[in-house]
Amino acid sequence: MKAIFVGIFCLVVNDIYADDAKNCISVGVSEKSKTLTNTCNELVNVYWCHTLNKKGYQSGLCGQKEKYFQMNDTLKPGKIKNNQYTLPLNSEIEFGACYGGHFSLKQVGMNGDYYCK
């Protein structure tokens, strides 16, 4: 009976994370900003924020306005997103990603947790 429960639990957990696409997003660096690149062959909805708490960079700062991730975009395969204010060079980038278009990711709490719809 215990083995059956463990097997069912594993199937449910795997199903919950089945649409997670975080492994499809690569963080890189361009001349003026960090970059987010969709390395998969599918449409990916990515949400992100950064840790640079300086004037001019507040719009993308993690954990404000009652949500953790502040920015989002849907990236086609191979698309590179860069922006010196929302992906600043001198910061850490936190992100989550799900397969699909806009709003396929739902934020949970204020620490970067999310699930894919």
Protein backbone atom coordinates (compact mmCIF):
# COMPACT_ATOMS: atom_id res chain seq x y z
CA MET A 1 0.00 0.00 0.00
CA LYS A 2 2.85 2.38 0.87
CA ALA A 3 4.49 1.81 -2.55
CA ILE A 4 1.23 2.64 -4.33
CA PHE A 5 0.90 5.92 -2.40
CA VAL A 6 4.51 6.88 -3.18
CA GLY A 7 3.97 6.09 -6.86
CA ILE A 8 0.79 8.17 -7.04
CA PHE A 9 2.47 11.04 -5.14
CA CYS A 10 5.38 11.05 -7.60
CA LEU A 11 2.98 11.19 -10.55
CA VAL A 12 1.09 14.12 -9.02
CA VAL A 13 4.30 16.04 -8.20
CA ASN A 14 5.68 15.47 -11.71
CA ASP A 15 2.39 16.68 -13.20
CA ILE A 16 2.49 19.90 -11.14
CA TYR A 17 5.92 20.79 -12.56
CA ALA A 18 5.29 19.45 -16.08
CA ASP A 19 4.84 22.90 -17.65
CA ASP A 20 7.76 24.54 -15.84
CA ALA A 21 10.17 26.00 -18.39
CA LYS A 22 12.83 27.55 -16.16
CA ASN A 23 15.42 25.30 -17.80
CA CYS A 24 14.59 27.02 -21.13
CA ILE A 25 15.79 30.43 -19.95
CA SER A 26 19.46 31.34 -20.07
CA VAL A 27 20.71 34.47 -18.27
CA GLY A 28 23.51 36.21 -20.14
CA VAL A 29 25.15 39.61 -20.55
CA SER A 30 25.01 42.16 -23.35
CA GLU A 31 26.81 45.50 -23.65
CA LYS A 32 24.36 47.41 -21.41
CA SER A 33 22.30 44.82 -19.56
CA LYS A 34 21.79 41.23 -18.57
CA THR A 35 19.76 39.15 -21.01
CA LEU A 36 17.14 36.41 -20.87
CA THR A 37 17.18 33.98 -23.81
CA ASN A 38 14.62 31.30 -24.64
CA THR A 39 16.78 28.29 -25.53
CA CYS A 40 13.83 25.92 -26.17
CA ASN A 41 11.78 25.32 -29.30
CA GLU A 42 8.52 26.43 -27.67
CA LEU A 43 6.91 29.68 -26.57
CA VAL A 44 7.89 30.51 -22.97
CA ASN A 45 6.32 33.01 -20.55
CA VAL A 46 9.04 34.37 -18.27
CA TYR A 47 8.63 36.54 -15.15
CA TRP A 48 11.65 38.21 -13.58
CA CYS A 49 12.97 40.79 -11.17
CA HIS A 50 16.38 42.04 -10.04
CA THR A 51 18.21 42.97 -6.84
CA LEU A 52 19.65 46.42 -7.74
CA ASN A 53 18.05 48.88 -5.30
CA LYS A 54 19.13 52.18 -6.89
CA LYS A 55 17.27 55.18 -8.23
CA GLY A 56 16.00 54.50 -11.73
CA TYR A 57 15.87 50.72 -11.27
CA GLN A 58 12.93 50.36 -8.83
CA SER A 59 10.40 49.21 -11.43
CA GLY A 60 12.07 45.80 -11.66
CA LEU A 61 13.15 45.37 -8.03
CA CYS A 62 12.13 42.01 -6.50
CA GLY A 63 9.41 41.83 -3.87
CA GLN A 64 7.49 45.08 -4.17
CA LYS A 65 3.89 46.07 -4.98
CA GLU A 66 2.63 42.88 -3.33
CA LYS A 67 4.33 40.59 -5.85
CA TYR A 68 7.80 39.11 -6.17
CA PHE A 69 8.44 39.16 -9.93
CA GLN A 70 7.89 42.62 -11.41
CA MET A 71 8.35 42.11 -15.15
CA ASN A 72 7.17 39.53 -17.68
CA ASP A 73 7.31 38.75 -21.36
CA THR A 74 6.55 35.89 -23.69
CA LEU A 75 9.64 34.78 -25.58
CA LYS A 76 9.55 32.93 -28.88
CA PRO A 77 12.21 30.27 -29.44
CA GLY A 78 15.63 31.95 -29.61
CA LYS A 79 14.32 35.39 -28.58
CA ILE A 80 16.63 37.47 -26.39
CA LYS A 81 15.20 39.98 -23.92
CA ASN A 82 17.44 42.82 -22.71
CA ASN A 83 16.73 46.09 -20.93
CA GLN A 84 19.25 48.05 -18.87
CA TYR A 85 16.62 49.11 -16.31
CA THR A 86 14.72 45.83 -15.78
CA LEU A 87 17.75 43.57 -16.35
CA PRO A 88 20.60 45.71 -14.96
CA LEU A 89 24.21 44.56 -15.23
CA ASN A 90 25.13 45.00 -11.56
CA SER A 91 22.39 42.81 -10.10
CA GLU A 92 21.19 39.28 -9.61
CA ILE A 93 18.26 38.26 -11.82
CA GLU A 94 15.54 36.09 -10.28
CA PHE A 95 13.09 34.45 -12.69
CA GLY A 96 10.46 31.82 -13.26
CA ALA A 97 9.16 30.46 -16.56
CA CYS A 98 6.34 28.35 -17.96
CA TYR A 99 5.57 26.99 -21.41
CA GLY A 100 2.89 29.00 -23.18
CA GLY A 101 1.84 32.59 -23.71
CA HIS A 102 1.11 35.45 -21.35
CA PHE A 103 -0.29 34.58 -17.95
CA SER A 104 0.71 30.89 -18.05
CA LEU A 105 2.68 31.57 -14.83
CA LYS A 106 0.99 32.33 -11.50
CA GLN A 107 3.06 33.88 -8.69
CA VAL A 108 2.64 32.45 -5.19
CA GLY A 109 3.73 34.50 -2.18
CA MET A 110 6.62 36.92 -1.94
CA ASN A 111 9.68 34.67 -2.25
CA GLY A 112 9.77 33.74 -5.94
CA ASP A 113 7.49 30.70 -5.83
CA TYR A 114 5.18 30.13 -8.78
CA TYR A 115 3.23 27.47 -10.63
CA CYS A 116 2.35 26.99 -14.26
CA LYS A 117 -1.31 27.10 -15.26
